PDB file of N, CA and C in Angstrom:
ATOM      1  N   MET A   1       0.840  -1.171   0.000  1.00  0.00           N
ATOM      2  CA  MET A   1       0.000   0.000   0.000  1.00  0.00           C
ATOM      3  C   MET A   1       0.885   1.233   0.000  1.00  0.00           C
ATOM      4  N   SER A   2       0.483   2.290  -0.721  1.00  0.00           N
ATOM      5  CA  SER A   2       1.300   3.486  -0.865  1.00  0.00           C
ATOM      6  C   SER A   2       0.523   4.699  -0.351  1.00  0.00           C
ATOM      7  N   ASP A   3       1.258   5.654   0.246  1.00  0.00           N
ATOM      8  CA  ASP A   3       0.636   6.891   0.720  1.00  0.00           C
ATOM      9  C   ASP A   3       0.745   8.007  -0.317  1.00  0.00           C
ATOM     10  N   TRP A   4       1.306   7.693  -1.468  1.00  0.00           N
ATOM     11  CA  TRP A   4       1.535   8.725  -2.476  1.00  0.00           C
ATOM     12  C   TRP A   4       0.221   9.205  -3.051  1.00  0.00           C
ATOM     13  N   MET A   5       0.078  10.542  -3.099  1.00  0.00           N
ATOM     14  CA  MET A   5      -1.095  11.166  -3.708  1.00  0.00           C
ATOM     15  C   MET A   5      -0.591  12.199  -4.697  1.00  0.00           C
ATOM     16  N   PRO A   6      -1.152  12.293  -5.868  1.00  0.00           N
ATOM     17  CA  PRO A   6      -0.697  13.320  -6.806  1.00  0.00           C
ATOM     18  C   PRO A   6      -1.047  14.705  -6.278  1.00  0.00           C
ATOM     19  N   GLY A   7      -0.114  15.634  -6.420  1.00  0.00           N
ATOM     20  CA  GLY A   7      -0.334  17.013  -5.978  1.00  0.00           C
ATOM     21  C   GLY A   7      -0.868  17.849  -7.121  1.00  0.00           C
ATOM     22  N   PRO A   8      -1.109  19.125  -6.867  1.00  0.00           N
ATOM     23  CA  PRO A   8      -1.660  19.990  -7.911  1.00  0.00           C
ATOM     24  C   PRO A   8      -0.686  20.164  -9.078  1.00  0.00           C
ATOM     25  N   GLU A   9       0.634  20.010  -8.838  1.00  0.00           N
ATOM     26  CA  GLU A   9       1.591  20.177  -9.913  1.00  0.00           C
ATOM     27  C   GLU A   9       1.751  18.923 -10.751  1.00  0.00           C
ATOM     28  N   THR A  10       1.158  17.804 -10.335  1.00  0.00           N
ATOM     29  CA  THR A  10       1.251  16.542 -11.056  1.00  0.00           C
ATOM     30  C   THR A  10       0.123  16.470 -12.067  1.00  0.00           C
ATOM     31  N   ALA A  11       0.480  16.205 -13.313  1.00  0.00           N
ATOM     32  CA  ALA A  11      -0.540  16.107 -14.360  1.00  0.00           C
ATOM     33  C   ALA A  11      -1.328  14.823 -14.160  1.00  0.00           C
ATOM     34  N   PRO A  12      -2.627  14.856 -14.364  1.00  0.00           N
ATOM     35  CA  PRO A  12      -3.418  13.641 -14.210  1.00  0.00           C
ATOM     36  C   PRO A  12      -3.063  12.646 -15.317  1.00  0.00           C
ATOM     37  N   ALA A  13      -3.135  11.388 -14.982  1.00  0.00           N
ATOM     38  CA  ALA A  13      -2.864  10.345 -15.973  1.00  0.00           C
ATOM     39  C   ALA A  13      -4.016  10.289 -16.953  1.00  0.00           C
ATOM     40  N   SER A  14      -3.715   9.917 -18.179  1.00  0.00           N
ATOM     41  CA  SER A  14      -4.783   9.836 -19.173  1.00  0.00           C
ATOM     42  C   SER A  14      -5.576   8.547 -18.946  1.00  0.00           C
ATOM     43  N   THR A  15      -6.800   8.590 -19.304  1.00  0.00           N
ATOM     44  CA  THR A  15      -7.657   7.413 -19.193  1.00  0.00           C
ATOM     45  C   THR A  15      -7.537   6.618 -20.487  1.00  0.00           C
ATOM     46  N   PRO A  16      -7.922   5.352 -20.498  1.00  0.00           N
ATOM     47  CA  PRO A  16      -7.740   4.517 -21.681  1.00  0.00           C
ATOM     48  C   PRO A  16      -8.374   5.085 -22.944  1.00  0.00           C
ATOM     49  N   GLY A  17      -9.482   5.743 -22.898  1.00  0.00           N
ATOM     50  CA  GLY A  17     -10.130   6.256 -24.106  1.00  0.00           C
ATOM     51  C   GLY A  17      -9.638   7.640 -24.502  1.00  0.00           C
ATOM     52  N   GLU A  18      -8.742   8.239 -23.743  1.00  0.00           N
ATOM     53  CA  GLU A  18      -8.311   9.620 -23.946  1.00  0.00           C
ATOM     54  C   GLU A  18      -6.869   9.642 -24.449  1.00  0.00           C
ATOM     55  N   PRO A  19      -6.561  10.435 -25.489  1.00  0.00           N
ATOM     56  CA  PRO A  19      -5.179  10.480 -25.968  1.00  0.00           C
ATOM     57  C   PRO A  19      -4.294  11.217 -24.965  1.00  0.00           C
ATOM     58  N   ALA A  20      -3.048  10.773 -24.852  1.00  0.00           N
ATOM     59  CA  ALA A  20      -2.093  11.421 -23.957  1.00  0.00           C
ATOM     60  C   ALA A  20      -1.634  12.729 -24.595  1.00  0.00           C
ATOM     61  N   THR A  21      -1.516  13.777 -23.776  1.00  0.00           N
ATOM     62  CA  THR A  21      -1.051  15.062 -24.299  1.00  0.00           C
ATOM     63  C   THR A  21       0.363  15.301 -23.815  1.00  0.00           C
ATOM     64  N   ALA A  22       1.156  15.813 -24.706  1.00  0.00           N
ATOM     65  CA  ALA A  22       2.542  16.135 -24.352  1.00  0.00           C
ATOM     66  C   ALA A  22       2.571  17.523 -23.718  1.00  0.00           C
ATOM     67  N   PRO A  23       3.496  17.760 -22.793  1.00  0.00           N
ATOM     68  CA  PRO A  23       3.594  19.100 -22.205  1.00  0.00           C
ATOM     69  C   PRO A  23       4.015  20.100 -23.270  1.00  0.00           C
ATOM     70  N   ALA A  24       3.544  21.317 -23.125  1.00  0.00           N
ATOM     71  CA  ALA A  24       3.873  22.374 -24.091  1.00  0.00           C
ATOM     72  C   ALA A  24       5.365  22.668 -24.040  1.00  0.00           C
ATOM     73  N   ALA A  25       5.928  22.860 -25.198  1.00  0.00           N
ATOM     74  CA  ALA A  25       7.367  23.167 -25.281  1.00  0.00           C
ATOM     75  C   ALA A  25       7.598  24.599 -24.818  1.00  0.00           C
ATOM     76  N   VAL A  26       8.684  24.791 -24.105  1.00  0.00           N
ATOM     77  CA  VAL A  26       9.051  26.125 -23.634  1.00  0.00           C
ATOM     78  C   VAL A  26       9.923  26.760 -24.697  1.00  0.00           C
ATOM     79  N   GLY A  27       9.473  27.839 -25.257  1.00  0.00           N
ATOM     80  CA  GLY A  27      10.217  28.535 -26.307  1.00  0.00           C
ATOM     81  C   GLY A  27      11.115  29.596 -25.730  1.00  0.00           C
ATOM     82  N   PRO A  28      11.934  30.207 -26.573  1.00  0.00           N
ATOM     83  CA  PRO A  28      12.855  31.241 -26.097  1.00  0.00           C
ATOM     84  C   PRO A  28      12.134  32.447 -25.512  1.00  0.00           C
ATOM     85  N   ALA A  29      10.927  32.722 -25.980  1.00  0.00           N
ATOM     86  CA  ALA A  29      10.186  33.867 -25.440  1.00  0.00           C
ATOM     87  C   ALA A  29       9.709  33.594 -24.020  1.00  0.00           C
ATOM     88  N   ASP A  30       9.524  32.317 -23.688  1.00  0.00           N
ATOM     89  CA  ASP A  30       9.036  31.969 -22.356  1.00  0.00           C
ATOM     90  C   ASP A  30      10.167  31.780 -21.347  1.00  0.00           C
ATOM     91  N   ALA A  31      11.389  31.674 -21.816  1.00  0.00           N
ATOM     92  CA  ALA A  31      12.522  31.423 -20.926  1.00  0.00           C
ATOM     93  C   ALA A  31      12.832  32.685 -20.122  1.00  0.00           C
ATOM     94  N   PRO A  32      13.222  32.530 -18.866  1.00  0.00           N
ATOM     95  CA  PRO A  32      13.570  33.703 -18.062  1.00  0.00           C
ATOM     96  C   PRO A  32      14.827  34.375 -18.615  1.00  0.00           C
ATOM     97  N   SER A  33      14.856  35.667 -18.537  1.00  0.00           N
ATOM     98  CA  SER A  33      15.987  36.435 -19.047  1.00  0.00           C
ATOM     99  C   SER A  33      17.101  36.476 -18.007  1.00  0.00           C
ATOM    100  N   CYS A  34      18.315  36.416 -18.482  1.00  0.00           N
ATOM    101  CA  CYS A  34      19.473  36.518 -17.590  1.00  0.00           C
ATOM    102  C   CYS A  34      19.969  37.953 -17.481  1.00  0.00           C
ATOM    103  N   GLU A  35      19.337  38.864 -18.214  1.00  0.00           N
ATOM    104  CA  GLU A  35      19.721  40.270 -18.184  1.00  0.00           C
ATOM    105  C   GLU A  35      19.171  40.922 -16.916  1.00  0.00           C
ATOM    106  N   PRO A  36      19.943  41.852 -16.322  1.00  0.00           N
ATOM    107  CA  PRO A  36      19.425  42.539 -15.127  1.00  0.00           C
ATOM    108  C   PRO A  36      18.251  43.440 -15.496  1.00  0.00           C
ATOM    109  N   ALA A  37      17.334  43.543 -14.591  1.00  0.00           N
ATOM    110  CA  ALA A  37      16.178  44.412 -14.801  1.00  0.00           C
ATOM    111  C   ALA A  37      16.636  45.866 -14.765  1.00  0.00           C
ATOM    112  N   GLY A  38      15.939  46.703 -15.459  1.00  0.00           N
ATOM    113  CA  GLY A  38      16.265  48.130 -15.473  1.00  0.00           C
ATOM    114  C   GLY A  38      15.873  48.782 -14.161  1.00  0.00           C
ATOM    115  N   PRO A  39      16.294  50.021 -13.975  1.00  0.00           N
ATOM    116  CA  PRO A  39      15.945  50.717 -12.733  1.00  0.00           C
ATOM    117  C   PRO A  39      14.434  50.915 -12.628  1.00  0.00           C
ATOM    118  N   ALA A  40      13.938  50.778 -11.427  1.00  0.00           N
ATOM    119  CA  ALA A  40      12.509  50.960 -11.166  1.00  0.00           C
ATOM    120  C   ALA A  40      12.340  51.487  -9.752  1.00  0.00           C
ATOM    121  N   PRO A  41      11.385  52.391  -9.546  1.00  0.00           N
ATOM    122  CA  PRO A  41      11.140  52.898  -8.192  1.00  0.00           C
ATOM    123  C   PRO A  41      10.719  51.771  -7.269  1.00  0.00           C
ATOM    124  N   ILE A  42      11.186  51.849  -6.020  1.00  0.00           N
ATOM    125  CA  ILE A  42      10.822  50.791  -5.080  1.00  0.00           C
ATOM    126  C   ILE A  42       9.534  51.120  -4.331  1.00  0.00           C
ATOM    127  N   GLY A  43       9.039  52.331  -4.502  1.00  0.00           N
ATOM    128  CA  GLY A  43       7.741  52.671  -3.955  1.00  0.00           C
ATOM    129  C   GLY A  43       7.706  52.899  -2.455  1.00  0.00           C
ATOM    130  N   VAL A  44       8.797  53.380  -1.881  1.00  0.00           N
ATOM    131  CA  VAL A  44       8.811  53.672  -0.444  1.00  0.00           C
ATOM    132  C   VAL A  44       8.289  55.094  -0.258  1.00  0.00           C
ATOM    133  N   GLY A  45       7.257  55.228   0.534  1.00  0.00           N
ATOM    134  CA  GLY A  45       6.689  56.545   0.794  1.00  0.00           C
ATOM    135  C   GLY A  45       7.541  57.342   1.767  1.00  0.00           C
ATOM    136  N   ARG A  46       7.501  58.647   1.638  1.00  0.00           N
ATOM    137  CA  ARG A  46       8.251  59.513   2.533  1.00  0.00           C
ATOM    138  C   ARG A  46       7.265  60.440   3.229  1.00  0.00           C
ATOM    139  N   THR A  47       7.405  60.534   4.532  1.00  0.00           N
ATOM    140  CA  THR A  47       6.536  61.385   5.333  1.00  0.00           C
ATOM    141  C   THR A  47       7.301  62.644   5.715  1.00  0.00           C
ATOM    142  N   SER A  48       6.646  63.766   5.643  1.00  0.00           N
ATOM    143  CA  SER A  48       7.281  65.036   5.981  1.00  0.00           C
ATOM    144  C   SER A  48       7.703  65.044   7.446  1.00  0.00           C
ATOM    145  N   THR A  49       8.914  65.553   7.697  1.00  0.00           N
ATOM    146  CA  THR A  49       9.419  65.623   9.066  1.00  0.00           C
ATOM    147  C   THR A  49       9.155  66.973   9.706  1.00  0.00           C
ATOM    148  N   GLY A  50       8.822  67.973   8.886  1.00  0.00           N
ATOM    149  CA  GLY A  50       8.633  69.321   9.410  1.00  0.00           C
ATOM    150  C   GLY A  50       9.893  70.154   9.336  1.00  0.00           C
ATOM    151  N   SER A  51      11.019  69.546   9.026  1.00  0.00           N
ATOM    152  CA  SER A  51      12.281  70.274   8.854  1.00  0.00           C
ATOM    153  C   SER A  51      12.574  70.340   7.363  1.00  0.00           C
ATOM    154  N   ALA A  52      12.653  71.544   6.833  1.00  0.00           N
ATOM    155  CA  ALA A  52      12.859  71.713   5.391  1.00  0.00           C
ATOM    156  C   ALA A  52      14.168  71.075   4.938  1.00  0.00           C
ATOM    157  N   ASP A  53      15.238  71.194   5.736  1.00  0.00           N
ATOM    158  CA  ASP A  53      16.527  70.614   5.362  1.00  0.00           C
ATOM    159  C   ASP A  53      16.448  69.089   5.285  1.00  0.00           C
ATOM    160  N   VAL A  54      15.836  68.482   6.283  1.00  0.00           N
ATOM    161  CA  VAL A  54      15.729  67.018   6.324  1.00  0.00           C
ATOM    162  C   VAL A  54      14.799  66.527   5.215  1.00  0.00           C
ATOM    163  N   ASP A  55      13.676  67.211   5.004  1.00  0.00           N
ATOM    164  CA  ASP A  55      12.741  66.802   3.961  1.00  0.00           C
ATOM    165  C   ASP A  55      13.385  66.883   2.576  1.00  0.00           C
ATOM    166  N   ALA A  56      14.205  67.900   2.343  1.00  0.00           N
ATOM    167  CA  ALA A  56      14.897  68.022   1.054  1.00  0.00           C
ATOM    168  C   ALA A  56      15.852  66.854   0.843  1.00  0.00           C
ATOM    169  N   GLN A  57      16.547  66.433   1.901  1.00  0.00           N
ATOM    170  CA  GLN A  57      17.461  65.293   1.782  1.00  0.00           C
ATOM    171  C   GLN A  57      16.692  64.004   1.521  1.00  0.00           C
ATOM    172  N   LEU A  58      15.580  63.816   2.202  1.00  0.00           N
ATOM    173  CA  LEU A  58      14.789  62.604   1.995  1.00  0.00           C
ATOM    174  C   LEU A  58      14.194  62.558   0.590  1.00  0.00           C
ATOM    175  N   GLU A  59      13.805  63.703   0.046  1.00  0.00           N
ATOM    176  CA  GLU A  59      13.303  63.745  -1.326  1.00  0.00           C
ATOM    177  C   GLU A  59      14.417  63.411  -2.313  1.00  0.00           C
ATOM    178  N   ARG A  60      15.646  63.727  -1.961  1.00  0.00           N
ATOM    179  CA  ARG A  60      16.799  63.425  -2.822  1.00  0.00           C
ATOM    180  C   ARG A  60      16.954  61.917  -3.005  1.00  0.00           C
ATOM    181  N   LEU A  61      16.477  61.118  -2.059  1.00  0.00           N
ATOM    182  CA  LEU A  61      16.549  59.659  -2.188  1.00  0.00           C
ATOM    183  C   LEU A  61      15.806  59.166  -3.423  1.00  0.00           C
ATOM    184  N   ALA A  62      14.812  59.915  -3.891  1.00  0.00           N
ATOM    185  CA  ALA A  62      14.057  59.513  -5.080  1.00  0.00           C
ATOM    186  C   ALA A  62      14.947  59.494  -6.321  1.00  0.00           C
ATOM    187  N   ASP A  63      16.075  60.220  -6.292  1.00  0.00           N
ATOM    188  CA  ASP A  63      16.995  60.206  -7.430  1.00  0.00           C
ATOM    189  C   ASP A  63      17.572  58.818  -7.663  1.00  0.00           C
ATOM    190  N   ALA A  64      17.667  58.019  -6.627  1.00  0.00           N
ATOM    191  CA  ALA A  64      18.218  56.669  -6.760  1.00  0.00           C
ATOM    192  C   ALA A  64      17.267  55.755  -7.529  1.00  0.00           C
ATOM    193  N   ASP A  65      15.988  56.098  -7.596  1.00  0.00           N
ATOM    194  CA  ASP A  65      15.021  55.266  -8.303  1.00  0.00           C
ATOM    195  C   ASP A  65      15.310  55.156  -9.792  1.00  0.00           C
ATOM    196  N   HIS A  66      16.009  56.139 -10.346  1.00  0.00           N
ATOM    197  CA  HIS A  66      16.246  56.165 -11.786  1.00  0.00           C
ATOM    198  C   HIS A  66      17.648  55.703 -12.149  1.00  0.00           C
ATOM    199  N   LEU A  67      18.413  55.229 -11.175  1.00  0.00           N
ATOM    200  CA  LEU A  67      19.790  54.800 -11.405  1.00  0.00           C
ATOM    201  C   LEU A  67      19.916  53.290 -11.281  1.00  0.00           C
ATOM    202  N   GLN A  68      20.943  52.749 -11.912  1.00  0.00           N
ATOM    203  CA  GLN A  68      21.289  51.353 -11.697  1.00  0.00           C
ATOM    204  C   GLN A  68      21.774  51.221 -10.257  1.00  0.00           C
ATOM    205  N   ALA A  69      21.806  50.011  -9.743  1.00  0.00           N
ATOM    206  CA  ALA A  69      22.162  49.773  -8.338  1.00  0.00           C
ATOM    207  C   ALA A  69      23.550  50.313  -8.002  1.00  0.00           C
ATOM    208  N   ASP A  70      24.500  50.243  -8.926  1.00  0.00           N
ATOM    209  CA  ASP A  70      25.845  50.727  -8.611  1.00  0.00           C
ATOM    210  C   ASP A  70      25.905  52.247  -8.494  1.00  0.00           C
ATOM    211  N   GLY A  71      24.876  52.961  -8.915  1.00  0.00           N
ATOM    212  CA  GLY A  71      24.828  54.408  -8.766  1.00  0.00           C
ATOM    213  C   GLY A  71      24.146  54.857  -7.488  1.00  0.00           C
ATOM    214  N   HIS A  72      23.530  53.946  -6.766  1.00  0.00           N
ATOM    215  CA  HIS A  72      22.815  54.313  -5.545  1.00  0.00           C
ATOM    216  C   HIS A  72      23.755  54.838  -4.467  1.00  0.00           C
ATOM    217  N   ILE A  73      24.948  54.293  -4.384  1.00  0.00           N
ATOM    218  CA  ILE A  73      25.863  54.662  -3.294  1.00  0.00           C
ATOM    219  C   ILE A  73      26.161  56.157  -3.307  1.00  0.00           C
ATOM    220  N   ASP A  74      26.306  56.744  -4.500  1.00  0.00           N
ATOM    221  CA  ASP A  74      26.587  58.181  -4.575  1.00  0.00           C
ATOM    222  C   ASP A  74      25.436  59.000  -4.000  1.00  0.00           C
ATOM    223  N   VAL A  75      24.211  58.598  -4.320  1.00  0.00           N
ATOM    224  CA  VAL A  75      23.045  59.315  -3.795  1.00  0.00           C
ATOM    225  C   VAL A  75      22.962  59.133  -2.284  1.00  0.00           C
ATOM    226  N   TYR A  76      23.141  57.899  -1.809  1.00  0.00           N
ATOM    227  CA  TYR A  76      23.043  57.633  -0.371  1.00  0.00           C
ATOM    228  C   TYR A  76      24.107  58.398   0.413  1.00  0.00           C
ATOM    229  N   GLU A  77      25.334  58.461  -0.111  1.00  0.00           N
ATOM    230  CA  GLU A  77      26.386  59.196   0.595  1.00  0.00           C
ATOM    231  C   GLU A  77      26.092  60.688   0.612  1.00  0.00           C
ATOM    232  N   ASP A  78      25.559  61.217  -0.488  1.00  0.00           N
ATOM    233  CA  ASP A  78      25.210  62.631  -0.535  1.00  0.00           C
ATOM    234  C   ASP A  78      24.105  62.949   0.472  1.00  0.00           C
ATOM    235  N   VAL A  79      23.092  62.102   0.534  1.00  0.00           N
ATOM    236  CA  VAL A  79      21.995  62.310   1.497  1.00  0.00           C
ATOM    237  C   VAL A  79      22.525  62.178   2.921  1.00  0.00           C
ATOM    238  N   HIS A  80      23.410  61.228   3.154  1.00  0.00           N
ATOM    239  CA  HIS A  80      23.988  61.052   4.489  1.00  0.00           C
ATOM    240  C   HIS A  80      24.739  62.309   4.916  1.00  0.00           C
ATOM    241  N   ARG A  81      25.536  62.874   4.008  1.00  0.00           N
ATOM    242  CA  ARG A  81      26.254  64.126   4.338  1.00  0.00           C
ATOM    243  C   ARG A  81      25.271  65.238   4.673  1.00  0.00           C
ATOM    244  N   GLY A  82      24.208  65.353   3.887  1.00  0.00           N
ATOM    245  CA  GLY A  82      23.213  66.395   4.140  1.00  0.00           C
ATOM    246  C   GLY A  82      22.507  66.219   5.472  1.00  0.00           C
ATOM    247  N   LEU A  83      22.173  64.972   5.808  1.00  0.00           N
ATOM    248  CA  LEU A  83      21.504  64.728   7.097  1.00  0.00           C
ATOM    249  C   LEU A  83      22.450  64.984   8.264  1.00  0.00           C
ATOM    250  N   ARG A  84      23.731  64.627   8.106  1.00  0.00           N
ATOM    251  CA  ARG A  84      24.705  64.922   9.167  1.00  0.00           C
ATOM    252  C   ARG A  84      24.848  66.423   9.369  1.00  0.00           C
ATOM    253  N   ALA A  85      24.870  67.167   8.264  1.00  0.00           N
ATOM    254  CA  ALA A  85      24.976  68.626   8.369  1.00  0.00           C
ATOM    255  C   ALA A  85      23.756  69.203   9.084  1.00  0.00           C
ATOM    256  N   ALA A  86      22.573  68.663   8.776  1.00  0.00           N
ATOM    257  CA  ALA A  86      21.354  69.141   9.438  1.00  0.00           C
ATOM    258  C   ALA A  86      21.396  68.845  10.936  1.00  0.00           C
ATOM    259  N   LEU A  87      21.894  67.665  11.310  1.00  0.00           N
ATOM    260  CA  LEU A  87      22.003  67.331  12.734  1.00  0.00           C
ATOM    261  C   LEU A  87      23.073  68.170  13.425  1.00  0.00           C
ATOM    262  N   THR A  88      24.179  68.385  12.745  1.00  0.00           N
ATOM    263  CA  THR A  88      25.251  69.189  13.332  1.00  0.00           C
ATOM    264  C   THR A  88      24.785  70.617  13.570  1.00  0.00           C
ATOM    265  N   SER A  89      23.953  71.130  12.671  1.00  0.00           N
ATOM    266  CA  SER A  89      23.467  72.506  12.844  1.00  0.00           C
ATOM    267  C   SER A  89      22.604  72.641  14.092  1.00  0.00           C
ATOM    268  N   LEU A  90      22.044  71.546  14.564  1.00  0.00           N
ATOM    269  CA  LEU A  90      21.247  71.607  15.795  1.00  0.00           C
ATOM    270  C   LEU A  90      22.129  71.813  17.022  1.00  0.00           C
ATOM    271  N   ASP A  91      23.412  71.429  16.919  1.00  0.00           N
ATOM    272  CA  ASP A  91      24.320  71.551  18.050  1.00  0.00           C
ATOM    273  C   ASP A  91      24.973  72.920  18.162  1.00  0.00           C
ATOM    274  N   THR A  92      24.878  73.742  17.147  1.00  0.00           N
ATOM    275  CA  THR A  92      25.521  75.062  17.209  1.00  0.00           C
ATOM    276  C   THR A  92      24.694  75.983  18.077  1.00  0.00           C
ATOM    277  N   ARG A  93      25.412  76.785  18.802  1.00  0.00           N
ATOM    278  CA  ARG A  93      24.710  77.744  19.669  1.00  0.00           C
ATOM    279  C   ARG A  93      24.243  78.922  18.835  1.00  0.00           C
ATOM    280  N   PRO A  94      23.074  79.414  19.133  1.00  0.00           N
ATOM    281  CA  PRO A  94      22.587  80.573  18.370  1.00  0.00           C
ATOM    282  C   PRO A  94      23.429  81.801  18.691  1.00  0.00           C
ATOM    283  N   ALA A  95      23.503  82.680  17.740  1.00  0.00           N
ATOM    284  CA  ALA A  95      24.229  83.932  17.953  1.00  0.00           C
ATOM    285  C   ALA A  95      23.514  84.722  19.045  1.00  0.00           C
ATOM    286  N   PRO A  96      24.274  85.490  19.805  1.00  0.00           N
ATOM    287  CA  PRO A  96      23.613  86.276  20.847  1.00  0.00           C
ATOM    288  C   PRO A  96      22.612  87.250  20.229  1.00  0.00           C
ATOM    289  N   ALA A  97      21.511  87.404  20.929  1.00  0.00           N
ATOM    290  CA  ALA A  97      20.478  88.309  20.446  1.00  0.00           C
ATOM    291  C   ALA A  97      20.986  89.738  20.519  1.00  0.00           C
ATOM    292  N   PRO A  98      20.707  90.489  19.479  1.00  0.00           N
ATOM    293  CA  PRO A  98      21.155  91.879  19.517  1.00  0.00           C
ATOM    294  C   PRO A  98      20.401  92.631  20.616  1.00  0.00           C
ATOM    295  N   GLY A  99      21.146  93.308  21.414  1.00  0.00           N
ATOM    296  CA  GLY A  99      20.558  94.085  22.510  1.00  0.00           C
ATOM    297  C   GLY A  99      20.745  95.561  22.218  1.00  0.00           C
ATOM    298  N   PRO A 100      20.414  96.370  23.173  1.00  0.00           N
ATOM    299  CA  PRO A 100      20.601  97.813  22.964  1.00  0.00           C
ATOM    300  C   PRO A 100      22.085  98.121  22.829  1.00  0.00           C
ATOM    301  N   ALA A 101      22.370  99.102  22.034  1.00  0.00           N
ATOM    302  CA  ALA A 101      23.768  99.503  21.834  1.00  0.00           C
ATOM    303  C   ALA A 101      24.315 100.023  23.162  1.00  0.00           C
ATOM    304  N   PRO A 102      25.574  99.695  23.458  1.00  0.00           N
ATOM    305  CA  PRO A 102      26.124 100.196  24.709  1.00  0.00           C
ATOM    306  C   PRO A 102      26.160 101.727  24.708  1.00  0.00           C
ATOM    307  N   MET A 103      25.868 102.267  25.855  1.00  0.00           N
ATOM    308  CA  MET A 103      25.841 103.732  25.958  1.00  0.00           C
ATOM    309  C   MET A 103      27.260 104.236  26.149  1.00  0.00           C
ATOM    310  N   ALA A 104      27.511 105.285  25.474  1.00  0.00           N
ATOM    311  CA  ALA A 104      28.829 105.900  25.618  1.00  0.00           C
ATOM    312  C   ALA A 104      28.892 106.590  26.977  1.00  0.00           C
ATOM    313  N   SER A 105      30.010 106.436  27.633  1.00  0.00           N
ATOM    314  CA  SER A 105      30.136 107.094  28.931  1.00  0.00           C
ATOM    315  C   SER A 105      30.735 108.482  28.723  1.00  0.00           C
ATOM    316  N   TYR A 106      30.048 109.440  29.269  1.00  0.00           N
ATOM    317  CA  TYR A 106      30.521 110.827  29.182  1.00  0.00           C
ATOM    318  C   TYR A 106      31.009 111.217  30.552  1.00  0.00           C
ATOM    319  N   ASP A 107      32.159 111.734  30.559  1.00  0.00           N
ATOM    320  CA  ASP A 107      32.730 112.206  31.805  1.00  0.00           C
ATOM    321  C   ASP A 107      32.446 113.706  31.897  1.00  0.00           C
ATOM    322  N   ASN A 108      31.556 114.089  32.778  1.00  0.00           N
ATOM    323  CA  ASN A 108      31.160 115.490  32.914  1.00  0.00           C
ATOM    324  C   ASN A 108      32.072 116.237  33.864  1.00  0.00           C
ATOM    325  N   ARG A 109      33.134 115.658  34.306  1.00  0.00           N
ATOM    326  CA  ARG A 109      34.054 116.380  35.199  1.00  0.00           C
ATOM    327  C   ARG A 109      35.003 117.209  34.361  1.00  0.00           C
ATOM    328  N   SER A 110      34.969 118.395  34.456  1.00  0.00           N
ATOM    329  CA  SER A 110      35.931 119.241  33.770  1.00  0.00           C
ATOM    330  C   SER A 110      36.495 120.260  34.672  1.00  0.00           C
TER     331      SER A 110
END
């Protein structure tokens, strides 16, 4: 006794009154291509951060969608530099607020 059952990928056997059919031949048009696919957007959405500098850098990532994979590194490094600059600018102290001009001292002793 056997536990073997044909699966969905197994072609059914022909019955005695039915002619056997040969599997369809795979032609060159049906064969998978060995060529790399062209550039295509990956469809990652970007949400606004509220910081114009950061949002501009994140939008720059869309430039990689039109490049081959070996060109992505240049875009990623450029965006990384821009994001580092934006973060570094948060650490700088603001310039002192302009206050009233110092009053000139007049010596009235004569």
